[in-house]
Amino acid sequence: MVPSVEPTGCAWRKTSYSAGSGSNGDCAEVAHTEPAVAVRDSKTTDVGNVSASAAVWRAFVTSIARNHW
């Protein structure tokens, strides 16, 4: 993990699952920053975020895609 960053001028993007049945729009949002990727809860955007390096984020997403969770 890298220190939490507050992305300024970055576009937050909701995950594709946030439109799914029963989700009520509750999901995670992601913003690509330098040198990190920031993630926050879409319900409580004012609370802050968690940041990870691009390499760690890529490994996390790849692991999920391969059903390693």
C-alpha atoms as a PDB file:
ATOM      1  CA  MET A   1       0.000   0.000   0.000  1.00  0.00           C
ATOM      2  CA  VAL A   2       1.028   3.577  -0.575  1.00  0.00           C
ATOM      3  CA  PRO A   3      -0.103   6.517   1.537  1.00  0.00           C
ATOM      4  CA  SER A   4      -3.708   7.488   0.879  1.00  0.00           C
ATOM      5  CA  VAL A   5      -3.944  10.211  -1.713  1.00  0.00           C
ATOM      6  CA  GLU A   6      -6.839  12.536  -2.361  1.00  0.00           C
ATOM      7  CA  PRO A   7      -7.115  12.563  -6.126  1.00  0.00           C
ATOM      8  CA  THR A   8      -7.561  16.109  -7.329  1.00  0.00           C
ATOM      9  CA  GLY A   9      -9.035  16.542 -10.769  1.00  0.00           C
ATOM     10  CA  CYS A  10      -9.262  12.781 -11.303  1.00  0.00           C
ATOM     11  CA  ALA A  11     -12.421  11.120 -12.477  1.00  0.00           C
ATOM     12  CA  TRP A  12     -13.865   8.575 -10.055  1.00  0.00           C
ATOM     13  CA  ARG A  13     -15.319   5.565 -11.852  1.00  0.00           C
ATOM     14  CA  LYS A  14     -17.892   3.156 -10.366  1.00  0.00           C
ATOM     15  CA  THR A  15     -17.383  -0.527 -10.918  1.00  0.00           C
ATOM     16  CA  SER A  16     -19.567  -2.241 -13.488  1.00  0.00           C
ATOM     17  CA  TYR A  17     -21.295  -4.224 -10.718  1.00  0.00           C
ATOM     18  CA  SER A  18     -22.816  -1.089  -9.162  1.00  0.00           C
ATOM     19  CA  ALA A  19     -25.704  -1.233 -11.630  1.00  0.00           C
ATOM     20  CA  GLY A  20     -26.438  -4.861 -10.817  1.00  0.00           C
ATOM     21  CA  SER A  21     -29.652  -6.195  -9.399  1.00  0.00           C
ATOM     22  CA  GLY A  22     -30.081  -5.435  -5.709  1.00  0.00           C
ATOM     23  CA  SER A  23     -26.978  -3.278  -5.391  1.00  0.00           C
ATOM     24  CA  ASN A  24     -28.863   0.040  -5.099  1.00  0.00           C
ATOM     25  CA  GLY A  25     -25.785   1.697  -6.570  1.00  0.00           C
ATOM     26  CA  ASP A  26     -23.674   0.734  -3.543  1.00  0.00           C
ATOM     27  CA  CYS A  27     -20.237  -0.090  -4.781  1.00  0.00           C
ATOM     28  CA  ALA A  28     -16.609   0.898  -4.970  1.00  0.00           C
ATOM     29  CA  GLU A  29     -15.224   3.755  -7.012  1.00  0.00           C
ATOM     30  CA  VAL A  30     -11.722   3.874  -8.482  1.00  0.00           C
ATOM     31  CA  ALA A  31      -9.542   6.816  -9.548  1.00  0.00           C
ATOM     32  CA  HIS A  32      -6.233   6.406 -11.344  1.00  0.00           C
ATOM     33  CA  THR A  33      -3.660   8.818  -9.962  1.00  0.00           C
ATOM     34  CA  GLU A  34       0.106   9.033 -10.100  1.00  0.00           C
ATOM     35  CA  PRO A  35       1.661   6.934  -8.686  1.00  0.00           C
ATOM     36  CA  ALA A  36      -1.314   5.115  -7.222  1.00  0.00           C
ATOM     37  CA  VAL A  37      -4.817   3.816  -7.744  1.00  0.00           C
ATOM     38  CA  ALA A  38      -7.309   5.098  -5.170  1.00  0.00           C
ATOM     39  CA  VAL A  39     -10.438   3.190  -4.112  1.00  0.00           C
ATOM     40  CA  ARG A  40     -13.366   4.490  -2.060  1.00  0.00           C
ATOM     41  CA  ASP A  41     -16.852   3.466  -0.971  1.00  0.00           C
ATOM     42  CA  SER A  42     -19.463   5.088  -3.227  1.00  0.00           C
ATOM     43  CA  LYS A  43     -21.852   5.523  -0.266  1.00  0.00           C
ATOM     44  CA  THR A  44     -19.373   7.474   1.873  1.00  0.00           C
ATOM     45  CA  THR A  45     -17.135   9.362  -0.539  1.00  0.00           C
ATOM     46  CA  ASP A  46     -16.255  11.992   2.072  1.00  0.00           C
ATOM     47  CA  VAL A  47     -14.646   9.456   4.443  1.00  0.00           C
ATOM     48  CA  GLY A  48     -11.484   8.969   2.396  1.00  0.00           C
ATOM     49  CA  ASN A  49      -9.935   6.283   0.279  1.00  0.00           C
ATOM     50  CA  VAL A  50      -7.409   3.477   0.190  1.00  0.00           C
ATOM     51  CA  SER A  51      -4.522   3.683  -2.248  1.00  0.00           C
ATOM     52  CA  ALA A  52      -2.286   1.052  -3.814  1.00  0.00           C
ATOM     53  CA  SER A  53       0.495   1.197  -6.355  1.00  0.00           C
ATOM     54  CA  ALA A  54      -0.471   0.450  -9.945  1.00  0.00           C
ATOM     55  CA  ALA A  55       1.389  -2.891  -9.757  1.00  0.00           C
ATOM     56  CA  VAL A  56      -0.460  -3.976  -6.601  1.00  0.00           C
ATOM     57  CA  TRP A  57      -3.814  -2.906  -8.071  1.00  0.00           C
ATOM     58  CA  ARG A  58      -3.117  -4.840 -11.279  1.00  0.00           C
ATOM     59  CA  ALA A  59      -2.243  -7.980  -9.278  1.00  0.00           C
ATOM     60  CA  PHE A  60      -5.425  -7.592  -7.191  1.00  0.00           C
ATOM     61  CA  VAL A  61      -7.691  -7.197 -10.238  1.00  0.00           C
ATOM     62  CA  THR A  62      -5.985 -10.107 -12.030  1.00  0.00           C
ATOM     63  CA  SER A  63      -6.453 -12.305  -8.968  1.00  0.00           C
ATOM     64  CA  ILE A  64     -10.170 -11.499  -8.825  1.00  0.00           C
ATOM     65  CA  ALA A  65     -10.571 -12.130 -12.543  1.00  0.00           C
ATOM     66  CA  ARG A  66      -9.018 -15.559 -12.060  1.00  0.00           C
ATOM     67  CA  ASN A  67     -11.381 -16.331  -9.143  1.00  0.00           C
ATOM     68  CA  HIS A  68      -8.595 -16.581  -6.587  1.00  0.00           C
ATOM     69  CA  TRP A  69     -10.828 -15.081  -3.881  1.00  0.00           C
END
